[in-house]
Amino acid sequence: MGTKTNSNLLRFGLIKSRPSLFFNNYSQNLQTDQKIRKIILKFFNQYDFLIDNIIIKKNNTFVNNIFINKNFINITLIKNTKFNLNNKQNLLLSGFFSNCLLFKLNFELKELFEINVNFSENPSSASLIHELKTLIKQGTSIKTLINFLVNRLSTINNVHGFMLRCSGRLNGADKRLITKFKFGKLRLQTIYSKIVYNQKGILTKDGIFGVKLWICLE
């Protein structure tokens, strides 16, 4: 009997390539990798931008018999709804971020870097869960969370539907409740469906409150 590959793992993005690619001097590169990520996160937190992904590649080359170690960093940002920038402004902003980060990393780590900053076009489940986390910590009810997602995602053209699953105690409830809400079309069994998935355990005064979000795109 042959075994089947779980297509959900492929479509939900749980099987990913390594966010850091380096093969020699592993321990030293790992410490540098952590410093790079800490500097990047601290830099974008001051501008209220969420980071969708950071990919770091290390390339060792010889130029004129000189050994050069260069880091290629690709950063994907989630569009911040506070600014509502157009494409031209996004290009200018990505160039500004790249130059500022390049100066900061070169100054602190004394290494060569090549940085590319871009913005994610698709709605990110990570950014929505981050907003849900803020609402949950404010004591918002589950009904309000559902209305927030419906209002946010119904205005986006390439979203077919979404599903929200919450579990845990909220606002002093005596028992753990499991809430599941589905809106629009969500084809989890169709392998060609483009599904964006994320989950997070949110620490509240009543314990851990689990949130899972599926978004179906065109």
C-alpha atoms as a PDB file:
ATOM      1  CA  MET A   1       0.000   0.000   0.000  1.00  0.00           C
ATOM      2  CA  GLY A   2       1.343   3.416  -0.969  1.00  0.00           C
ATOM      3  CA  THR A   3       1.129   6.441   1.294  1.00  0.00           C
ATOM      4  CA  LYS A   4      -0.445   9.729   0.270  1.00  0.00           C
ATOM      5  CA  THR A   5       1.176  13.109   0.789  1.00  0.00           C
ATOM      6  CA  ASN A   6      -0.962  15.468   2.845  1.00  0.00           C
ATOM      7  CA  SER A   7      -1.694  18.274   0.388  1.00  0.00           C
ATOM      8  CA  ASN A   8      -2.811  20.565   3.222  1.00  0.00           C
ATOM      9  CA  LEU A   9       0.785  20.780   4.447  1.00  0.00           C
ATOM     10  CA  LEU A  10       1.906  21.954   1.011  1.00  0.00           C
ATOM     11  CA  ARG A  11      -0.874  24.517   0.527  1.00  0.00           C
ATOM     12  CA  PHE A  12      -0.802  25.910   4.043  1.00  0.00           C
ATOM     13  CA  GLY A  13       2.887  26.716   3.733  1.00  0.00           C
ATOM     14  CA  LEU A  14       3.949  24.533   6.649  1.00  0.00           C
ATOM     15  CA  ILE A  15       6.642  22.902   4.494  1.00  0.00           C
ATOM     16  CA  LYS A  16       9.021  25.720   3.672  1.00  0.00           C
ATOM     17  CA  SER A  17      12.602  26.138   2.639  1.00  0.00           C
ATOM     18  CA  ARG A  18      15.022  27.231   5.324  1.00  0.00           C
ATOM     19  CA  PRO A  19      14.823  30.976   6.140  1.00  0.00           C
ATOM     20  CA  SER A  20      18.623  30.975   6.465  1.00  0.00           C
ATOM     21  CA  LEU A  21      20.951  29.295   3.984  1.00  0.00           C
ATOM     22  CA  PHE A  22      24.583  28.812   5.003  1.00  0.00           C
ATOM     23  CA  PHE A  23      26.708  25.688   5.014  1.00  0.00           C
ATOM     24  CA  ASN A  24      30.126  26.528   6.497  1.00  0.00           C
ATOM     25  CA  ASN A  25      31.095  27.958   9.895  1.00  0.00           C
ATOM     26  CA  TYR A  26      27.623  27.045  11.121  1.00  0.00           C
ATOM     27  CA  SER A  27      27.947  28.183  14.759  1.00  0.00           C
ATOM     28  CA  GLN A  28      29.439  31.561  13.840  1.00  0.00           C
ATOM     29  CA  ASN A  29      26.926  32.170  11.056  1.00  0.00           C
ATOM     30  CA  LEU A  30      24.039  31.214  13.342  1.00  0.00           C
ATOM     31  CA  GLN A  31      25.005  33.897  15.860  1.00  0.00           C
ATOM     32  CA  THR A  32      25.315  36.465  13.057  1.00  0.00           C
ATOM     33  CA  ASP A  33      21.953  35.359  11.695  1.00  0.00           C
ATOM     34  CA  GLN A  34      20.266  36.011  15.050  1.00  0.00           C
ATOM     35  CA  LYS A  35      21.865  39.463  15.293  1.00  0.00           C
ATOM     36  CA  ILE A  36      20.667  40.347  11.768  1.00  0.00           C
ATOM     37  CA  ARG A  37      17.085  39.306  12.525  1.00  0.00           C
ATOM     38  CA  LYS A  38      17.066  41.183  15.845  1.00  0.00           C
ATOM     39  CA  ILE A  39      18.254  44.389  14.139  1.00  0.00           C
ATOM     40  CA  ILE A  40      15.669  44.035  11.340  1.00  0.00           C
ATOM     41  CA  LEU A  41      12.768  43.411  13.747  1.00  0.00           C
ATOM     42  CA  LYS A  42      13.775  46.347  15.952  1.00  0.00           C
ATOM     43  CA  PHE A  43      14.096  48.610  12.892  1.00  0.00           C
ATOM     44  CA  PHE A  44      10.624  47.886  11.467  1.00  0.00           C
ATOM     45  CA  ASN A  45       8.883  47.956  14.857  1.00  0.00           C
ATOM     46  CA  GLN A  46       9.554  51.683  15.107  1.00  0.00           C
ATOM     47  CA  TYR A  47       7.596  52.187  11.825  1.00  0.00           C
ATOM     48  CA  ASP A  48       4.701  49.861  12.869  1.00  0.00           C
ATOM     49  CA  PHE A  49       5.346  47.494   9.958  1.00  0.00           C
ATOM     50  CA  LEU A  50       4.823  43.743  10.312  1.00  0.00           C
ATOM     51  CA  ILE A  51       7.340  41.402   8.690  1.00  0.00           C
ATOM     52  CA  ASP A  52       5.932  38.507   6.691  1.00  0.00           C
ATOM     53  CA  ASN A  53       9.236  36.800   5.916  1.00  0.00           C
ATOM     54  CA  ILE A  54      13.018  37.229   6.224  1.00  0.00           C
ATOM     55  CA  ILE A  55      15.284  35.065   4.063  1.00  0.00           C
ATOM     56  CA  ILE A  56      19.040  35.258   4.585  1.00  0.00           C
ATOM     57  CA  LYS A  57      21.542  33.692   2.175  1.00  0.00           C
ATOM     58  CA  LYS A  58      25.296  33.722   2.599  1.00  0.00           C
ATOM     59  CA  ASN A  59      27.552  33.627  -0.450  1.00  0.00           C
ATOM     60  CA  ASN A  60      31.311  33.208  -0.215  1.00  0.00           C
ATOM     61  CA  THR A  61      33.226  34.327  -3.317  1.00  0.00           C
ATOM     62  CA  PHE A  62      36.802  35.095  -4.374  1.00  0.00           C
ATOM     63  CA  VAL A  63      37.349  38.409  -6.168  1.00  0.00           C
ATOM     64  CA  ASN A  64      40.933  39.124  -7.279  1.00  0.00           C
ATOM     65  CA  ASN A  65      42.170  36.386  -4.908  1.00  0.00           C
ATOM     66  CA  ILE A  66      40.388  38.101  -2.019  1.00  0.00           C
ATOM     67  CA  PHE A  67      37.865  36.128   0.021  1.00  0.00           C
ATOM     68  CA  ILE A  68      34.534  38.035   0.287  1.00  0.00           C
ATOM     69  CA  ASN A  69      31.604  36.974   2.447  1.00  0.00           C
ATOM     70  CA  LYS A  70      28.362  38.652   1.333  1.00  0.00           C
ATOM     71  CA  ASN A  71      24.889  38.340   2.849  1.00  0.00           C
ATOM     72  CA  PHE A  72      21.786  38.486   0.654  1.00  0.00           C
ATOM     73  CA  ILE A  73      18.720  39.478   2.679  1.00  0.00           C
ATOM     74  CA  ASN A  74      15.198  39.412   1.240  1.00  0.00           C
ATOM     75  CA  ILE A  75      12.532  41.032   3.467  1.00  0.00           C
ATOM     76  CA  THR A  76       8.808  40.841   2.741  1.00  0.00           C
ATOM     77  CA  LEU A  77       6.672  43.399   4.575  1.00  0.00           C
ATOM     78  CA  ILE A  78       2.944  43.325   5.148  1.00  0.00           C
ATOM     79  CA  LYS A  79       1.218  46.441   3.802  1.00  0.00           C
ATOM     80  CA  ASN A  80       0.331  48.726   6.680  1.00  0.00           C
ATOM     81  CA  THR A  81      -3.255  49.981   6.447  1.00  0.00           C
ATOM     82  CA  LYS A  82      -2.330  53.150   8.363  1.00  0.00           C
ATOM     83  CA  PHE A  83      -0.453  54.583   5.389  1.00  0.00           C
ATOM     84  CA  ASN A  84      -2.511  53.467   2.317  1.00  0.00           C
ATOM     85  CA  LEU A  85       0.456  54.006  -0.012  1.00  0.00           C
ATOM     86  CA  ASN A  86       0.359  53.572  -3.783  1.00  0.00           C
ATOM     87  CA  ASN A  87       2.870  51.531  -5.816  1.00  0.00           C
ATOM     88  CA  LYS A  88       5.214  54.461  -6.478  1.00  0.00           C
ATOM     89  CA  GLN A  89       5.315  55.416  -2.807  1.00  0.00           C
ATOM     90  CA  ASN A  90       5.939  51.773  -1.873  1.00  0.00           C
ATOM     91  CA  LEU A  91       8.980  51.693  -4.190  1.00  0.00           C
ATOM     92  CA  LEU A  92      10.370  54.859  -2.612  1.00  0.00           C
ATOM     93  CA  LEU A  93       9.682  53.505   0.881  1.00  0.00           C
ATOM     94  CA  SER A  94      11.328  50.130   0.132  1.00  0.00           C
ATOM     95  CA  GLY A  95      14.420  51.976  -1.179  1.00  0.00           C
ATOM     96  CA  PHE A  96      14.530  54.095   1.974  1.00  0.00           C
ATOM     97  CA  PHE A  97      14.246  51.019   4.205  1.00  0.00           C
ATOM     98  CA  SER A  98      16.948  49.167   2.236  1.00  0.00           C
ATOM     99  CA  ASN A  99      19.431  52.056   2.506  1.00  0.00           C
ATOM    100  CA  CYS A 100      18.785  52.615   6.228  1.00  0.00           C
ATOM    101  CA  LEU A 101      19.131  48.911   7.020  1.00  0.00           C
ATOM    102  CA  LEU A 102      22.248  48.633   4.876  1.00  0.00           C
ATOM    103  CA  PHE A 103      23.931  51.451   6.800  1.00  0.00           C
ATOM    104  CA  LYS A 104      22.819  50.060  10.179  1.00  0.00           C
ATOM    105  CA  LEU A 105      23.944  46.479   9.493  1.00  0.00           C
ATOM    106  CA  ASN A 106      27.275  47.523   7.972  1.00  0.00           C
ATOM    107  CA  PHE A 107      27.951  49.778  10.968  1.00  0.00           C
ATOM    108  CA  GLU A 108      27.090  47.198  13.652  1.00  0.00           C
ATOM    109  CA  LEU A 109      28.294  43.934  12.062  1.00  0.00           C
ATOM    110  CA  LYS A 110      31.086  45.156   9.731  1.00  0.00           C
ATOM    111  CA  GLU A 111      29.968  42.830   6.914  1.00  0.00           C
ATOM    112  CA  LEU A 112      28.831  43.261   3.305  1.00  0.00           C
ATOM    113  CA  PHE A 113      25.073  43.080   2.725  1.00  0.00           C
ATOM    114  CA  GLU A 114      22.708  43.209  -0.194  1.00  0.00           C
ATOM    115  CA  ILE A 115      19.158  43.986   0.969  1.00  0.00           C
ATOM    116  CA  ASN A 116      15.885  43.744  -0.923  1.00  0.00           C
ATOM    117  CA  VAL A 117      12.684  45.026   0.735  1.00  0.00           C
ATOM    118  CA  ASN A 118       9.293  44.381  -0.887  1.00  0.00           C
ATOM    119  CA  PHE A 119       5.644  44.464   0.108  1.00  0.00           C
ATOM    120  CA  SER A 120       3.261  41.506   0.138  1.00  0.00           C
ATOM    121  CA  GLU A 121       0.311  41.973  -2.237  1.00  0.00           C
ATOM    122  CA  ASN A 122      -1.892  39.195  -0.850  1.00  0.00           C
ATOM    123  CA  PRO A 123      -3.752  39.611   2.449  1.00  0.00           C
ATOM    124  CA  SER A 124      -1.623  38.021   5.127  1.00  0.00           C
ATOM    125  CA  SER A 125      -3.221  35.820   7.751  1.00  0.00           C
ATOM    126  CA  ALA A 126      -0.279  36.699  10.032  1.00  0.00           C
ATOM    127  CA  SER A 127      -1.171  40.410   9.979  1.00  0.00           C
ATOM    128  CA  LEU A 128      -4.867  39.683  10.585  1.00  0.00           C
ATOM    129  CA  ILE A 129      -4.076  37.417  13.529  1.00  0.00           C
ATOM    130  CA  HIS A 130      -1.820  40.156  14.906  1.00  0.00           C
ATOM    131  CA  GLU A 131      -4.803  42.549  14.765  1.00  0.00           C
ATOM    132  CA  LEU A 132      -7.059  39.902  16.318  1.00  0.00           C
ATOM    133  CA  LYS A 133      -4.504  39.496  19.122  1.00  0.00           C
ATOM    134  CA  THR A 134      -4.774  43.222  19.907  1.00  0.00           C
ATOM    135  CA  LEU A 135      -8.595  43.029  19.973  1.00  0.00           C
ATOM    136  CA  ILE A 136      -8.606  39.895  22.153  1.00  0.00           C
ATOM    137  CA  LYS A 137      -6.281  41.478  24.725  1.00  0.00           C
ATOM    138  CA  GLN A 138      -8.729  44.418  24.875  1.00  0.00           C
ATOM    139  CA  GLY A 139     -11.531  42.018  25.913  1.00  0.00           C
ATOM    140  CA  THR A 140     -13.387  41.978  22.590  1.00  0.00           C
ATOM    141  CA  SER A 141     -16.097  39.343  22.120  1.00  0.00           C
ATOM    142  CA  ILE A 142     -15.875  36.604  19.480  1.00  0.00           C
ATOM    143  CA  LYS A 143     -18.832  38.104  17.602  1.00  0.00           C
ATOM    144  CA  THR A 144     -16.905  41.372  17.242  1.00  0.00           C
ATOM    145  CA  LEU A 145     -13.858  39.459  15.984  1.00  0.00           C
ATOM    146  CA  ILE A 146     -15.976  37.791  13.301  1.00  0.00           C
ATOM    147  CA  ASN A 147     -17.499  41.112  12.220  1.00  0.00           C
ATOM    148  CA  PHE A 148     -14.004  42.607  12.014  1.00  0.00           C
ATOM    149  CA  LEU A 149     -12.811  39.839   9.675  1.00  0.00           C
ATOM    150  CA  VAL A 150     -15.949  40.002   7.509  1.00  0.00           C
ATOM    151  CA  ASN A 151     -15.626  43.772   7.066  1.00  0.00           C
ATOM    152  CA  ARG A 152     -11.880  43.579   6.373  1.00  0.00           C
ATOM    153  CA  LEU A 153     -11.840  40.656   3.908  1.00  0.00           C
ATOM    154  CA  SER A 154     -15.121  41.293   2.055  1.00  0.00           C
ATOM    155  CA  THR A 155     -13.639  44.444   0.499  1.00  0.00           C
ATOM    156  CA  ILE A 156     -10.691  42.548  -1.064  1.00  0.00           C
ATOM    157  CA  ASN A 157     -11.385  41.302  -4.592  1.00  0.00           C
ATOM    158  CA  ASN A 158      -9.208  38.182  -4.692  1.00  0.00           C
ATOM    159  CA  VAL A 159     -10.575  36.686  -1.441  1.00  0.00           C
ATOM    160  CA  HIS A 160     -13.167  33.944  -1.941  1.00  0.00           C
ATOM    161  CA  GLY A 161     -13.785  33.215   1.715  1.00  0.00           C
ATOM    162  CA  PHE A 162     -12.252  32.478   5.090  1.00  0.00           C
ATOM    163  CA  MET A 163     -12.694  30.289   8.137  1.00  0.00           C
ATOM    164  CA  LEU A 164     -11.941  31.249  11.749  1.00  0.00           C
ATOM    165  CA  ARG A 165     -11.573  28.756  14.576  1.00  0.00           C
ATOM    166  CA  CYS A 166     -11.157  29.941  18.171  1.00  0.00           C
ATOM    167  CA  SER A 167     -10.761  27.837  21.288  1.00  0.00           C
ATOM    168  CA  GLY A 168     -10.209  28.764  24.909  1.00  0.00           C
ATOM    169  CA  ARG A 169     -11.628  30.844  27.727  1.00  0.00           C
ATOM    170  CA  LEU A 170     -12.351  34.473  26.974  1.00  0.00           C
ATOM    171  CA  ASN A 171     -13.553  37.358  29.156  1.00  0.00           C
ATOM    172  CA  GLY A 172     -13.788  35.267  32.337  1.00  0.00           C
ATOM    173  CA  ALA A 173     -15.816  32.386  30.872  1.00  0.00           C
ATOM    174  CA  ASP A 174     -16.116  29.320  33.163  1.00  0.00           C
ATOM    175  CA  LYS A 175     -15.591  26.751  30.407  1.00  0.00           C
ATOM    176  CA  ARG A 176     -13.444  26.569  27.325  1.00  0.00           C
ATOM    177  CA  LEU A 177     -15.461  27.344  24.214  1.00  0.00           C
ATOM    178  CA  ILE A 178     -14.735  26.266  20.640  1.00  0.00           C
ATOM    179  CA  THR A 179     -16.088  28.611  17.957  1.00  0.00           C
ATOM    180  CA  LYS A 180     -15.891  27.912  14.229  1.00  0.00           C
ATOM    181  CA  PHE A 181     -17.099  30.438  11.638  1.00  0.00           C
ATOM    182  CA  LYS A 182     -16.980  30.089   7.852  1.00  0.00           C
ATOM    183  CA  PHE A 183     -17.668  32.896   5.373  1.00  0.00           C
ATOM    184  CA  GLY A 184     -17.782  32.627   1.565  1.00  0.00           C
ATOM    185  CA  LYS A 185     -16.160  29.768  -0.377  1.00  0.00           C
ATOM    186  CA  LEU A 186     -13.354  27.767   1.195  1.00  0.00           C
ATOM    187  CA  ARG A 187     -12.222  24.639  -0.693  1.00  0.00           C
ATOM    188  CA  LEU A 188      -9.736  22.932   1.617  1.00  0.00           C
ATOM    189  CA  GLN A 189     -10.040  19.590  -0.204  1.00  0.00           C
ATOM    190  CA  THR A 190      -9.178  21.047  -3.627  1.00  0.00           C
ATOM    191  CA  ILE A 191      -5.449  20.854  -4.214  1.00  0.00           C
ATOM    192  CA  TYR A 192      -5.462  23.793  -6.675  1.00  0.00           C
ATOM    193  CA  SER A 193      -7.021  26.163  -4.146  1.00  0.00           C
ATOM    194  CA  LYS A 194      -4.688  28.868  -2.884  1.00  0.00           C
ATOM    195  CA  ILE A 195      -5.005  28.770   0.889  1.00  0.00           C
ATOM    196  CA  VAL A 196      -3.286  31.158   3.308  1.00  0.00           C
ATOM    197  CA  TYR A 197      -3.154  29.706   6.808  1.00  0.00           C
ATOM    198  CA  ASN A 198      -1.843  30.815  10.185  1.00  0.00           C
ATOM    199  CA  GLN A 199      -2.354  29.986  13.829  1.00  0.00           C
ATOM    200  CA  LYS A 200      -1.360  31.552  17.132  1.00  0.00           C
ATOM    201  CA  GLY A 201      -1.768  30.946  20.838  1.00  0.00           C
ATOM    202  CA  ILE A 202      -2.596  34.245  22.565  1.00  0.00           C
ATOM    203  CA  LEU A 203      -1.831  34.607  26.263  1.00  0.00           C
ATOM    204  CA  THR A 204      -4.740  36.227  28.140  1.00  0.00           C
ATOM    205  CA  LYS A 205      -5.677  36.570  31.822  1.00  0.00           C
ATOM    206  CA  ASP A 206      -7.855  33.439  31.413  1.00  0.00           C
ATOM    207  CA  GLY A 207      -5.087  31.316  29.859  1.00  0.00           C
ATOM    208  CA  ILE A 208      -4.058  30.486  26.301  1.00  0.00           C
ATOM    209  CA  PHE A 209      -6.623  31.434  23.634  1.00  0.00           C
ATOM    210  CA  GLY A 210      -6.001  29.645  20.325  1.00  0.00           C
ATOM    211  CA  VAL A 211      -6.812  31.258  16.974  1.00  0.00           C
ATOM    212  CA  LYS A 212      -6.617  29.589  13.550  1.00  0.00           C
ATOM    213  CA  LEU A 213      -7.376  31.401  10.298  1.00  0.00           C
ATOM    214  CA  TRP A 214      -7.773  30.062   6.756  1.00  0.00           C
ATOM    215  CA  ILE A 215      -8.104  32.480   3.805  1.00  0.00           C
ATOM    216  CA  CYS A 216      -9.003  31.269   0.295  1.00  0.00           C
ATOM    217  CA  LEU A 217      -7.572  33.379  -2.542  1.00  0.00           C
ATOM    218  CA  GLU A 218      -8.186  33.296  -6.292  1.00  0.00           C
END
